[in-house]
Amino acid sequence: MEKTGKRAILESYRSAMFEKAAIEKQMELLHIGGEPGGLHGLSYDREGRGTNEPVLAAVQALEGLEERLVRQVKEIDALAKSFWGLVMSVPDGRDRSVLISYYANGESDAIIAVTLGMNSLSAFRLRHKILEKYFPE
């Protein structure tokens, strides 16, 4: 069963951003850079799809990743208005900053803790306190 509500929007946005970053990382590993060189400069002119040729298999993988990235960006765009509306409804700047760091930027509680000058457990508690205050279940 899928969660609904304000917290679910925050979590969905975070998950979608992580998925987008993972796809981009996979694409980075396949792309050797420089246009038209690298995998983007290759074509299927010599071999058909389904070949065991490693270069063409990499081209197919890259094309699949590009399609996944387009779908992921559309998902993020669909969530963005709701997500940013929720975040910007938080009046306190520090609280808003914690939400942006965790949900939009994908930072861990440990990184947020360093930014705020506290330990990880305190950052975790602060984040949950913010959720309870502004987005009670």
Foldseek 3Di string as FASTA:
>chain_A
DQDDFLVSLLQVLQVLLVVLVVLVVVLVVQAPDDPPDGLVVDDCVPHDPPDPPVSVVSNVVNVVSVVVNVVSVVVNVVSVVSNVVLLVVDPDPLLSVLSCCCRVVVDALQVNCVVVVHHSVVSVVSNVVSCCVRPND
